[in-house]
Amino acid sequence: MTIKTEGEQTEMSEGNESVLIINEDVTVIEYAPKVFAYLRQLDGIDKHQLKKSLDPEENREQAFKAGESSGKSGSFFFFSKDSKFIIKTMTDSDLATFHKIFKKYFDTVDRRRKSLLARIYGVYTIKMEDLVPVHLVLMGNTKKFKEEKNLLRVFDLKGSEINRVNLEKNLEAKSTLKDINLQNLKSEKLLMFTEED
């Protein structure tokens, strides 16, 4: 997949990645580093802020607690100590799907700078000797948007219909809705989409 940023071509493929060998047993692969650096730059995030937010010593407690708060899918995730970022594991299927939608995702975020789509700032694979590789996604924490006074709806969308509905009876504007809730609102014409959506 080829992405163009400021006149240069960038791909999210095995041919375009940054590899860091921590020691002979641990290798970190960063996919499309230039593209994700560009997306971070759009939101005013530089490498110094990232390094500070993700400092291993500062985040040790969050990482150890992550297993206690893992998602229903069994994914491992935690918020950085300063709550600016989320690190979450991806399955092989998640990674393959993201490879497929990466160009559209990039184009959307690049064109619609004020979009409330979750911000993805990096995708990585960690390989350790004798262990199954672990895929990670680095995301911005969008929880802060729940404080917006003009916010109508909050969605957690996965592109699936399996267990993807919030069945609460008295949903508030800030309740997190899911894929089937979105479909129902659209079919009931309670949520309108334009061609730009």
N, C-alpha and C. Protein backbone atom coordinates (compact mmCIF):
# COMPACT_ATOMS: atom_id res chain seq x y z
N MET A 1 0.84 -1.17 0.00
CA MET A 1 0.00 0.00 0.00
C MET A 1 0.89 1.23 0.00
N THR A 2 0.62 2.16 -0.88
CA THR A 2 1.46 3.35 -1.00
C THR A 2 0.71 4.58 -0.52
N ILE A 3 1.34 5.35 0.31
CA ILE A 3 0.79 6.60 0.81
C ILE A 3 1.75 7.70 0.40
N LYS A 4 1.23 8.82 -0.07
CA LYS A 4 2.11 9.94 -0.41
C LYS A 4 1.99 11.01 0.66
N THR A 5 3.12 11.41 1.19
CA THR A 5 3.13 12.53 2.14
C THR A 5 4.20 13.50 1.69
N GLU A 6 3.79 14.70 1.43
CA GLU A 6 4.70 15.77 1.04
C GLU A 6 5.67 15.32 -0.05
N GLY A 7 5.10 14.71 -1.12
CA GLY A 7 5.90 14.36 -2.28
C GLY A 7 6.66 13.07 -2.19
N GLU A 8 6.62 12.39 -1.05
CA GLU A 8 7.35 11.13 -0.98
C GLU A 8 6.36 9.99 -0.79
N GLN A 9 6.71 8.83 -1.29
CA GLN A 9 5.83 7.68 -1.17
C GLN A 9 6.19 6.90 0.08
N THR A 10 5.15 6.46 0.76
CA THR A 10 5.36 5.69 1.97
C THR A 10 4.40 4.52 1.97
N GLU A 11 4.81 3.39 2.43
CA GLU A 11 3.96 2.21 2.43
C GLU A 11 3.86 1.63 3.83
N MET A 12 2.70 1.03 4.11
CA MET A 12 2.59 0.24 5.33
C MET A 12 2.71 -1.20 4.88
N SER A 13 3.93 -1.63 4.72
CA SER A 13 4.20 -3.00 4.28
C SER A 13 5.52 -3.42 4.87
N GLU A 14 5.84 -4.68 4.72
CA GLU A 14 7.09 -5.16 5.29
C GLU A 14 8.29 -4.49 4.66
N GLY A 15 8.10 -3.93 3.44
CA GLY A 15 9.21 -3.27 2.76
C GLY A 15 9.50 -1.89 3.33
N ASN A 16 8.56 -1.32 4.08
CA ASN A 16 8.76 0.02 4.61
C ASN A 16 8.51 0.00 6.11
N GLU A 17 9.53 -0.29 6.84
CA GLU A 17 9.41 -0.37 8.28
C GLU A 17 10.75 -0.03 8.90
N SER A 18 10.69 0.32 10.15
CA SER A 18 11.90 0.60 10.91
C SER A 18 12.07 -0.55 11.89
N VAL A 19 13.26 -1.10 11.96
CA VAL A 19 13.51 -2.24 12.84
C VAL A 19 14.51 -1.83 13.91
N LEU A 20 14.13 -2.06 15.17
CA LEU A 20 15.01 -1.78 16.30
C LEU A 20 15.30 -3.11 17.00
N ILE A 21 16.56 -3.46 17.09
CA ILE A 21 16.94 -4.68 17.81
C ILE A 21 17.41 -4.26 19.19
N ILE A 22 16.58 -4.56 20.20
CA ILE A 22 16.89 -4.16 21.57
C ILE A 22 18.04 -5.01 22.11
N ASN A 23 17.96 -6.29 21.90
CA ASN A 23 19.06 -7.21 22.16
C ASN A 23 18.84 -8.40 21.25
N GLU A 24 19.66 -9.42 21.37
CA GLU A 24 19.54 -10.53 20.43
C GLU A 24 18.22 -11.28 20.54
N ASP A 25 17.47 -11.06 21.63
CA ASP A 25 16.20 -11.76 21.83
C ASP A 25 14.97 -10.92 21.51
N VAL A 26 15.11 -9.58 21.40
CA VAL A 26 13.94 -8.71 21.21
C VAL A 26 14.14 -7.80 20.01
N THR A 27 13.17 -7.85 19.08
CA THR A 27 13.19 -6.98 17.90
C THR A 27 11.86 -6.24 17.83
N VAL A 28 11.90 -4.91 17.59
CA VAL A 28 10.69 -4.11 17.44
C VAL A 28 10.63 -3.61 15.99
N ILE A 29 9.52 -3.92 15.33
CA ILE A 29 9.29 -3.44 13.96
C ILE A 29 8.27 -2.31 14.02
N GLU A 30 8.61 -1.16 13.47
CA GLU A 30 7.69 -0.02 13.39
C GLU A 30 7.25 0.10 11.95
N TYR A 31 5.94 -0.03 11.70
CA TYR A 31 5.40 0.05 10.35
C TYR A 31 5.20 1.50 9.93
N ALA A 32 5.53 1.80 8.69
CA ALA A 32 5.31 3.12 8.08
C ALA A 32 5.70 4.27 9.02
N PRO A 33 6.94 4.30 9.50
CA PRO A 33 7.31 5.32 10.50
C PRO A 33 7.13 6.76 10.01
N LYS A 34 7.41 7.03 8.73
CA LYS A 34 7.28 8.40 8.23
C LYS A 34 5.82 8.84 8.18
N VAL A 35 4.93 7.92 7.81
CA VAL A 35 3.51 8.26 7.74
C VAL A 35 2.97 8.55 9.13
N PHE A 36 3.29 7.69 10.09
CA PHE A 36 2.79 7.92 11.46
C PHE A 36 3.42 9.16 12.09
N ALA A 37 4.67 9.45 11.76
CA ALA A 37 5.30 10.69 12.25
C ALA A 37 4.53 11.89 11.71
N TYR A 38 4.11 11.81 10.44
CA TYR A 38 3.32 12.88 9.82
C TYR A 38 1.97 13.03 10.55
N LEU A 39 1.29 11.90 10.85
CA LEU A 39 0.00 11.97 11.54
C LEU A 39 0.17 12.55 12.95
N ARG A 40 1.25 12.18 13.62
CA ARG A 40 1.51 12.76 14.96
C ARG A 40 1.76 14.26 14.84
N GLN A 41 2.49 14.66 13.81
CA GLN A 41 2.80 16.07 13.59
C GLN A 41 1.51 16.87 13.37
N LEU A 42 0.53 16.29 12.66
CA LEU A 42 -0.75 16.97 12.44
C LEU A 42 -1.41 17.36 13.75
N ASP A 43 -1.22 16.53 14.77
CA ASP A 43 -1.83 16.79 16.07
C ASP A 43 -0.86 17.43 17.06
N GLY A 44 0.26 17.91 16.55
CA GLY A 44 1.20 18.63 17.40
C GLY A 44 1.96 17.76 18.38
N ILE A 45 2.14 16.48 18.05
CA ILE A 45 2.86 15.57 18.94
C ILE A 45 4.26 15.35 18.39
N ASP A 46 5.27 15.72 19.15
CA ASP A 46 6.64 15.49 18.69
C ASP A 46 7.24 14.32 19.45
N LYS A 47 8.42 13.89 18.99
CA LYS A 47 9.03 12.69 19.58
C LYS A 47 9.41 12.89 21.04
N HIS A 48 9.67 14.13 21.46
CA HIS A 48 10.01 14.37 22.86
C HIS A 48 8.79 14.14 23.77
N GLN A 49 7.62 14.63 23.31
CA GLN A 49 6.39 14.42 24.09
C GLN A 49 6.06 12.93 24.15
N LEU A 50 6.22 12.25 23.02
CA LEU A 50 5.95 10.82 22.96
C LEU A 50 6.86 10.05 23.91
N LYS A 51 8.14 10.40 23.87
CA LYS A 51 9.12 9.74 24.73
C LYS A 51 8.79 9.97 26.21
N LYS A 52 8.40 11.19 26.53
CA LYS A 52 8.06 11.51 27.92
C LYS A 52 6.80 10.76 28.36
N SER A 53 5.77 10.76 27.52
CA SER A 53 4.51 10.10 27.87
C SER A 53 4.65 8.59 28.01
N LEU A 54 5.55 8.00 27.19
CA LEU A 54 5.67 6.54 27.17
C LEU A 54 6.90 6.03 27.91
N ASP A 55 7.50 6.86 28.74
CA ASP A 55 8.67 6.46 29.51
C ASP A 55 8.37 5.17 30.28
N PRO A 56 9.17 4.10 30.07
CA PRO A 56 8.88 2.81 30.71
C PRO A 56 8.80 2.88 32.24
N GLU A 57 9.70 3.65 32.86
CA GLU A 57 9.68 3.74 34.32
C GLU A 57 8.39 4.40 34.81
N GLU A 58 7.95 5.45 34.11
CA GLU A 58 6.73 6.16 34.50
C GLU A 58 5.46 5.34 34.27
N ASN A 59 5.53 4.38 33.35
CA ASN A 59 4.34 3.62 32.95
C ASN A 59 4.33 2.18 33.46
N ARG A 60 5.29 1.86 34.29
CA ARG A 60 5.41 0.48 34.79
C ARG A 60 4.11 0.02 35.47
N GLU A 61 3.56 0.84 36.35
CA GLU A 61 2.35 0.48 37.08
C GLU A 61 1.16 0.28 36.14
N GLN A 62 1.01 1.19 35.14
CA GLN A 62 -0.10 1.06 34.18
C GLN A 62 0.03 -0.24 33.39
N ALA A 63 1.24 -0.58 32.98
CA ALA A 63 1.45 -1.79 32.19
C ALA A 63 1.10 -3.04 33.01
N PHE A 64 1.49 -3.06 34.29
CA PHE A 64 1.19 -4.23 35.11
C PHE A 64 -0.30 -4.35 35.40
N LYS A 65 -1.00 -3.21 35.50
CA LYS A 65 -2.44 -3.24 35.75
C LYS A 65 -3.23 -3.55 34.49
N ALA A 66 -2.58 -3.47 33.34
CA ALA A 66 -3.29 -3.63 32.06
C ALA A 66 -4.01 -4.96 31.96
N GLY A 67 -3.41 -6.02 32.47
CA GLY A 67 -4.05 -7.33 32.41
C GLY A 67 -5.38 -7.34 33.15
N GLU A 68 -5.49 -6.56 34.22
CA GLU A 68 -6.72 -6.50 35.01
C GLU A 68 -7.84 -5.81 34.25
N SER A 69 -7.48 -4.88 33.34
CA SER A 69 -8.50 -4.10 32.65
C SER A 69 -8.57 -4.44 31.17
N SER A 70 -8.10 -5.62 30.78
CA SER A 70 -8.09 -5.95 29.36
C SER A 70 -9.51 -6.00 28.81
N GLY A 71 -9.63 -5.71 27.52
CA GLY A 71 -10.93 -5.62 26.88
C GLY A 71 -11.61 -6.97 26.77
N LYS A 72 -12.91 -6.94 26.36
CA LYS A 72 -13.69 -8.16 26.21
C LYS A 72 -13.09 -9.07 25.15
N SER A 73 -12.40 -8.49 24.20
CA SER A 73 -11.80 -9.28 23.13
C SER A 73 -10.55 -10.02 23.61
N GLY A 74 -10.14 -9.74 24.85
CA GLY A 74 -8.93 -10.36 25.37
C GLY A 74 -7.69 -9.54 25.06
N SER A 75 -7.90 -8.37 24.45
CA SER A 75 -6.75 -7.53 24.12
C SER A 75 -6.19 -6.89 25.39
N PHE A 76 -4.91 -6.64 25.34
CA PHE A 76 -4.18 -6.03 26.45
C PHE A 76 -4.05 -4.55 26.12
N PHE A 77 -4.46 -3.67 27.01
CA PHE A 77 -4.28 -2.25 26.73
C PHE A 77 -4.04 -1.47 28.02
N PHE A 78 -3.37 -0.34 27.86
CA PHE A 78 -3.23 0.55 29.01
C PHE A 78 -3.06 1.99 28.54
N PHE A 79 -3.44 2.91 29.43
CA PHE A 79 -3.28 4.34 29.18
C PHE A 79 -1.91 4.75 29.69
N SER A 80 -1.26 5.65 28.97
CA SER A 80 0.00 6.19 29.48
C SER A 80 -0.28 6.93 30.78
N LYS A 81 0.74 7.10 31.59
CA LYS A 81 0.54 7.70 32.91
C LYS A 81 -0.09 9.09 32.81
N ASP A 82 0.24 9.83 31.74
CA ASP A 82 -0.35 11.17 31.59
C ASP A 82 -1.69 11.13 30.86
N SER A 83 -2.21 9.93 30.57
CA SER A 83 -3.52 9.71 29.93
C SER A 83 -3.63 10.25 28.51
N LYS A 84 -2.52 10.57 27.86
CA LYS A 84 -2.59 11.11 26.50
C LYS A 84 -2.66 10.02 25.45
N PHE A 85 -2.18 8.81 25.79
CA PHE A 85 -2.10 7.74 24.80
C PHE A 85 -2.62 6.43 25.35
N ILE A 86 -3.01 5.56 24.41
CA ILE A 86 -3.41 4.19 24.73
C ILE A 86 -2.52 3.27 23.91
N ILE A 87 -2.02 2.22 24.55
CA ILE A 87 -1.29 1.18 23.84
C ILE A 87 -2.14 -0.08 23.95
N LYS A 88 -2.42 -0.69 22.80
CA LYS A 88 -3.33 -1.83 22.76
C LYS A 88 -2.76 -2.91 21.84
N THR A 89 -2.95 -4.17 22.24
CA THR A 89 -2.50 -5.26 21.38
C THR A 89 -3.46 -5.41 20.21
N MET A 90 -2.93 -5.94 19.11
CA MET A 90 -3.72 -6.25 17.91
C MET A 90 -3.53 -7.73 17.60
N THR A 91 -4.58 -8.36 17.11
CA THR A 91 -4.45 -9.73 16.64
C THR A 91 -3.83 -9.70 15.24
N ASP A 92 -3.43 -10.85 14.74
CA ASP A 92 -2.94 -10.93 13.36
C ASP A 92 -4.01 -10.41 12.40
N SER A 93 -5.28 -10.75 12.69
CA SER A 93 -6.40 -10.31 11.86
C SER A 93 -6.57 -8.79 11.91
N ASP A 94 -6.44 -8.21 13.12
CA ASP A 94 -6.52 -6.74 13.26
C ASP A 94 -5.45 -6.07 12.41
N LEU A 95 -4.23 -6.60 12.48
CA LEU A 95 -3.11 -6.02 11.74
C LEU A 95 -3.35 -6.13 10.24
N ALA A 96 -3.83 -7.29 9.78
CA ALA A 96 -4.11 -7.48 8.35
C ALA A 96 -5.21 -6.54 7.88
N THR A 97 -6.24 -6.36 8.71
CA THR A 97 -7.34 -5.44 8.35
C THR A 97 -6.83 -4.01 8.29
N PHE A 98 -6.00 -3.63 9.25
CA PHE A 98 -5.49 -2.26 9.24
C PHE A 98 -4.62 -2.01 8.01
N HIS A 99 -3.86 -3.01 7.59
CA HIS A 99 -3.08 -2.88 6.34
C HIS A 99 -4.01 -2.54 5.18
N LYS A 100 -5.20 -3.17 5.16
CA LYS A 100 -6.14 -2.96 4.06
C LYS A 100 -6.77 -1.57 4.08
N ILE A 101 -7.08 -1.06 5.28
CA ILE A 101 -7.78 0.23 5.36
C ILE A 101 -6.85 1.41 5.60
N PHE A 102 -5.56 1.15 5.72
CA PHE A 102 -4.59 2.17 6.12
C PHE A 102 -4.63 3.41 5.22
N LYS A 103 -4.66 3.23 3.92
CA LYS A 103 -4.65 4.37 3.00
C LYS A 103 -5.90 5.23 3.18
N LYS A 104 -7.07 4.58 3.28
CA LYS A 104 -8.31 5.34 3.47
C LYS A 104 -8.30 6.05 4.82
N TYR A 105 -7.79 5.38 5.84
CA TYR A 105 -7.70 6.01 7.16
C TYR A 105 -6.81 7.24 7.09
N PHE A 106 -5.63 7.08 6.50
CA PHE A 106 -4.69 8.20 6.37
C PHE A 106 -5.32 9.36 5.61
N ASP A 107 -5.93 9.06 4.45
CA ASP A 107 -6.54 10.10 3.63
C ASP A 107 -7.62 10.85 4.40
N THR A 108 -8.44 10.12 5.16
CA THR A 108 -9.52 10.75 5.93
C THR A 108 -8.97 11.68 6.99
N VAL A 109 -8.01 11.21 7.76
CA VAL A 109 -7.45 12.04 8.84
C VAL A 109 -6.69 13.23 8.26
N ASP A 110 -6.01 13.02 7.14
CA ASP A 110 -5.25 14.10 6.51
C ASP A 110 -6.17 15.19 5.95
N ARG A 111 -7.30 14.78 5.36
CA ARG A 111 -8.22 15.75 4.76
C ARG A 111 -9.14 16.41 5.78
N ARG A 112 -9.53 15.65 6.80
CA ARG A 112 -10.49 16.16 7.79
C ARG A 112 -9.80 16.27 9.14
N ARG A 113 -9.04 17.31 9.28
CA ARG A 113 -8.17 17.46 10.46
C ARG A 113 -8.96 17.52 11.78
N LYS A 114 -10.24 17.93 11.72
CA LYS A 114 -11.03 18.03 12.95
C LYS A 114 -11.88 16.79 13.19
N SER A 115 -11.69 15.76 12.40
CA SER A 115 -12.44 14.51 12.56
C SER A 115 -12.26 13.96 13.97
N LEU A 116 -13.31 13.35 14.50
CA LEU A 116 -13.23 12.73 15.82
C LEU A 116 -12.88 11.25 15.73
N LEU A 117 -12.46 10.79 14.55
CA LEU A 117 -11.96 9.41 14.43
C LEU A 117 -10.82 9.21 15.41
N ALA A 118 -10.73 8.02 15.96
CA ALA A 118 -9.61 7.71 16.86
C ALA A 118 -8.31 7.95 16.12
N ARG A 119 -7.36 8.57 16.78
CA ARG A 119 -6.07 8.86 16.16
C ARG A 119 -5.10 7.71 16.42
N ILE A 120 -4.58 7.16 15.36
CA ILE A 120 -3.59 6.10 15.45
C ILE A 120 -2.25 6.72 15.14
N TYR A 121 -1.30 6.58 16.07
CA TYR A 121 -0.01 7.23 15.94
C TYR A 121 1.15 6.27 15.70
N GLY A 122 0.87 4.98 15.65
CA GLY A 122 1.93 4.02 15.37
C GLY A 122 1.42 2.59 15.45
N VAL A 123 2.03 1.72 14.63
CA VAL A 123 1.72 0.29 14.67
C VAL A 123 3.05 -0.45 14.71
N TYR A 124 3.16 -1.41 15.62
CA TYR A 124 4.43 -2.08 15.88
C TYR A 124 4.24 -3.59 16.04
N THR A 125 5.29 -4.33 15.77
CA THR A 125 5.34 -5.76 16.09
C THR A 125 6.58 -6.00 16.93
N ILE A 126 6.40 -6.68 18.05
CA ILE A 126 7.53 -7.03 18.91
C ILE A 126 7.76 -8.53 18.80
N LYS A 127 8.98 -8.88 18.42
CA LYS A 127 9.33 -10.29 18.29
C LYS A 127 10.33 -10.64 19.38
N MET A 128 10.00 -11.70 20.12
CA MET A 128 10.89 -12.19 21.16
C MET A 128 11.15 -13.66 20.91
N GLU A 129 12.36 -14.05 21.15
CA GLU A 129 12.75 -15.44 20.89
C GLU A 129 11.81 -16.41 21.61
N ASP A 130 11.35 -17.42 20.87
CA ASP A 130 10.49 -18.50 21.38
C ASP A 130 9.08 -18.05 21.79
N LEU A 131 8.69 -16.81 21.48
CA LEU A 131 7.34 -16.34 21.79
C LEU A 131 6.65 -15.89 20.51
N VAL A 132 5.31 -15.96 20.51
CA VAL A 132 4.54 -15.49 19.37
C VAL A 132 4.70 -13.97 19.27
N PRO A 133 4.94 -13.41 18.07
CA PRO A 133 5.07 -11.96 17.94
C PRO A 133 3.82 -11.23 18.46
N VAL A 134 4.03 -10.06 19.05
CA VAL A 134 2.94 -9.24 19.59
C VAL A 134 2.83 -7.98 18.74
N HIS A 135 1.62 -7.69 18.26
CA HIS A 135 1.36 -6.48 17.49
C HIS A 135 0.73 -5.44 18.41
N LEU A 136 1.20 -4.20 18.33
CA LEU A 136 0.70 -3.12 19.17
C LEU A 136 0.27 -1.94 18.33
N VAL A 137 -0.75 -1.24 18.79
CA VAL A 137 -1.17 0.01 18.16
C VAL A 137 -1.08 1.10 19.21
N LEU A 138 -0.53 2.24 18.83
CA LEU A 138 -0.43 3.41 19.70
C LEU A 138 -1.50 4.39 19.25
N MET A 139 -2.39 4.75 20.16
CA MET A 139 -3.52 5.63 19.82
C MET A 139 -3.57 6.83 20.76
N GLY A 140 -4.17 7.90 20.27
CA GLY A 140 -4.45 9.03 21.13
C GLY A 140 -5.65 8.71 22.00
N ASN A 141 -5.71 9.25 23.19
CA ASN A 141 -6.85 9.04 24.08
C ASN A 141 -7.97 10.00 23.69
N THR A 142 -9.04 9.46 23.11
CA THR A 142 -10.16 10.32 22.66
C THR A 142 -11.17 10.56 23.77
N LYS A 143 -10.92 10.02 24.95
CA LYS A 143 -11.87 10.18 26.06
C LYS A 143 -12.14 11.64 26.37
N LYS A 144 -11.16 12.49 26.14
CA LYS A 144 -11.33 13.91 26.45
C LYS A 144 -12.48 14.53 25.66
N PHE A 145 -12.81 13.95 24.49
CA PHE A 145 -13.89 14.50 23.69
C PHE A 145 -15.25 14.27 24.33
N LYS A 146 -15.34 13.34 25.27
CA LYS A 146 -16.61 13.09 25.95
C LYS A 146 -17.02 14.28 26.80
N GLU A 147 -16.11 15.19 27.03
CA GLU A 147 -16.43 16.39 27.81
C GLU A 147 -17.01 17.50 26.94
N GLU A 148 -16.98 17.31 25.62
CA GLU A 148 -17.50 18.33 24.71
C GLU A 148 -18.98 18.57 24.96
N LYS A 149 -19.40 19.81 25.09
CA LYS A 149 -20.81 20.13 25.34
C LYS A 149 -21.69 19.85 24.13
N ASN A 150 -21.14 20.00 22.92
CA ASN A 150 -21.92 19.82 21.70
C ASN A 150 -21.89 18.39 21.16
N LEU A 151 -21.29 17.48 21.89
CA LEU A 151 -21.17 16.10 21.44
C LEU A 151 -22.53 15.42 21.47
N LEU A 152 -22.93 14.84 20.33
CA LEU A 152 -24.22 14.17 20.25
C LEU A 152 -24.14 12.68 20.57
N ARG A 153 -23.12 12.01 20.04
CA ARG A 153 -23.01 10.56 20.23
C ARG A 153 -21.53 10.15 20.29
N VAL A 154 -21.26 9.06 21.02
CA VAL A 154 -19.92 8.48 21.08
C VAL A 154 -20.05 7.03 20.61
N PHE A 155 -19.20 6.63 19.66
CA PHE A 155 -19.25 5.27 19.13
C PHE A 155 -17.91 4.57 19.29
N ASP A 156 -17.98 3.28 19.58
CA ASP A 156 -16.83 2.38 19.56
C ASP A 156 -17.13 1.40 18.43
N LEU A 157 -16.56 1.62 17.26
CA LEU A 157 -16.89 0.83 16.08
C LEU A 157 -15.78 -0.15 15.76
N LYS A 158 -16.16 -1.39 15.45
CA LYS A 158 -15.20 -2.44 15.14
C LYS A 158 -15.40 -2.99 13.73
N GLY A 159 -16.49 -2.62 13.04
CA GLY A 159 -16.75 -3.18 11.72
C GLY A 159 -17.29 -4.59 11.80
N SER A 160 -17.96 -4.92 12.90
CA SER A 160 -18.51 -6.26 13.11
C SER A 160 -19.90 -6.11 13.72
N GLU A 161 -20.73 -7.15 13.58
CA GLU A 161 -22.05 -7.13 14.21
C GLU A 161 -22.13 -8.10 15.38
N ILE A 162 -21.07 -8.82 15.64
CA ILE A 162 -21.07 -9.82 16.71
C ILE A 162 -20.88 -9.13 18.06
N ASN A 163 -21.91 -9.19 18.90
CA ASN A 163 -21.89 -8.55 20.23
C ASN A 163 -21.56 -7.06 20.14
N ARG A 164 -22.01 -6.40 19.10
CA ARG A 164 -21.65 -5.01 18.89
C ARG A 164 -22.88 -4.10 19.04
N VAL A 165 -23.54 -4.19 20.20
CA VAL A 165 -24.68 -3.32 20.48
C VAL A 165 -24.68 -2.97 21.97
N ASN A 166 -25.01 -1.73 22.27
CA ASN A 166 -25.19 -1.29 23.64
C ASN A 166 -26.69 -1.39 23.93
N LEU A 167 -27.09 -2.28 24.85
CA LEU A 167 -28.50 -2.55 25.12
C LEU A 167 -29.06 -1.74 26.29
N GLU A 168 -28.27 -0.82 26.84
CA GLU A 168 -28.78 -0.02 27.95
C GLU A 168 -30.06 0.69 27.52
N LYS A 169 -31.02 0.78 28.45
CA LYS A 169 -32.32 1.38 28.10
C LYS A 169 -32.29 2.90 28.07
N ASN A 170 -31.62 3.51 29.03
CA ASN A 170 -31.60 4.97 29.10
C ASN A 170 -30.23 5.49 28.68
N LEU A 171 -30.00 5.48 27.37
CA LEU A 171 -28.70 5.92 26.86
C LEU A 171 -28.59 7.43 26.92
N GLU A 172 -27.49 7.89 27.46
CA GLU A 172 -27.21 9.33 27.48
C GLU A 172 -26.39 9.68 26.26
N ALA A 173 -26.25 10.96 25.98
CA ALA A 173 -25.47 11.39 24.81
C ALA A 173 -24.04 10.88 24.88
N LYS A 174 -23.51 10.77 26.10
CA LYS A 174 -22.11 10.38 26.24
C LYS A 174 -21.93 8.87 26.42
N SER A 175 -23.04 8.10 26.35
CA SER A 175 -22.92 6.64 26.41
C SER A 175 -22.20 6.16 25.16
N THR A 176 -21.40 5.13 25.31
CA THR A 176 -20.66 4.61 24.16
C THR A 176 -21.52 3.61 23.41
N LEU A 177 -21.84 3.95 22.16
CA LEU A 177 -22.65 3.09 21.30
C LEU A 177 -21.74 2.25 20.42
N LYS A 178 -22.33 1.21 19.82
CA LYS A 178 -21.53 0.29 19.02
C LYS A 178 -22.10 0.16 17.60
N ASP A 179 -21.55 -0.75 16.83
CA ASP A 179 -21.85 -0.86 15.41
C ASP A 179 -23.36 -1.00 15.11
N ILE A 180 -24.05 -1.88 15.82
CA ILE A 180 -25.47 -2.09 15.55
C ILE A 180 -26.28 -0.86 15.96
N ASN A 181 -25.88 -0.19 17.05
CA ASN A 181 -26.56 1.07 17.43
C ASN A 181 -26.46 2.08 16.29
N LEU A 182 -25.28 2.17 15.66
CA LEU A 182 -25.09 3.09 14.54
C LEU A 182 -26.01 2.73 13.39
N GLN A 183 -26.08 1.44 13.05
CA GLN A 183 -26.96 1.01 11.96
C GLN A 183 -28.42 1.33 12.27
N ASN A 184 -28.84 1.09 13.52
CA ASN A 184 -30.23 1.36 13.91
C ASN A 184 -30.55 2.85 13.83
N LEU A 185 -29.64 3.69 14.31
CA LEU A 185 -29.86 5.13 14.25
C LEU A 185 -29.96 5.61 12.80
N LYS A 186 -29.13 5.03 11.95
CA LYS A 186 -29.15 5.41 10.53
C LYS A 186 -30.46 4.96 9.88
N SER A 187 -30.89 3.72 10.15
CA SER A 187 -32.12 3.22 9.53
C SER A 187 -33.36 3.96 10.05
N GLU A 188 -33.31 4.42 11.31
CA GLU A 188 -34.42 5.19 11.87
C GLU A 188 -34.34 6.66 11.49
N LYS A 189 -33.32 6.99 10.71
CA LYS A 189 -33.08 8.36 10.25
C LYS A 189 -32.87 9.33 11.42
N LEU A 190 -32.36 8.80 12.52
CA LEU A 190 -32.04 9.64 13.68
C LEU A 190 -30.60 10.13 13.57
N LEU A 191 -29.88 9.57 12.61
CA LEU A 191 -28.50 9.98 12.38
C LEU A 191 -28.33 10.06 10.88
N MET A 192 -27.96 11.22 10.38
CA MET A 192 -27.86 11.43 8.92
C MET A 192 -26.40 11.46 8.52
N PHE A 193 -26.14 10.93 7.33
CA PHE A 193 -24.79 10.95 6.77
C PHE A 193 -24.81 11.75 5.49
N THR A 194 -23.76 12.52 5.28
CA THR A 194 -23.60 13.22 4.01
C THR A 194 -22.63 12.42 3.15
N GLU A 195 -22.45 12.79 1.91
CA GLU A 195 -21.52 12.08 1.05
C GLU A 195 -20.10 12.19 1.59
N GLU A 196 -19.80 13.26 2.28
CA GLU A 196 -18.46 13.43 2.85
C GLU A 196 -18.21 12.45 3.97
N ASP A 197 -19.29 11.95 4.65
CA ASP A 197 -19.13 10.98 5.74
C ASP A 197 -18.75 9.67 5.15
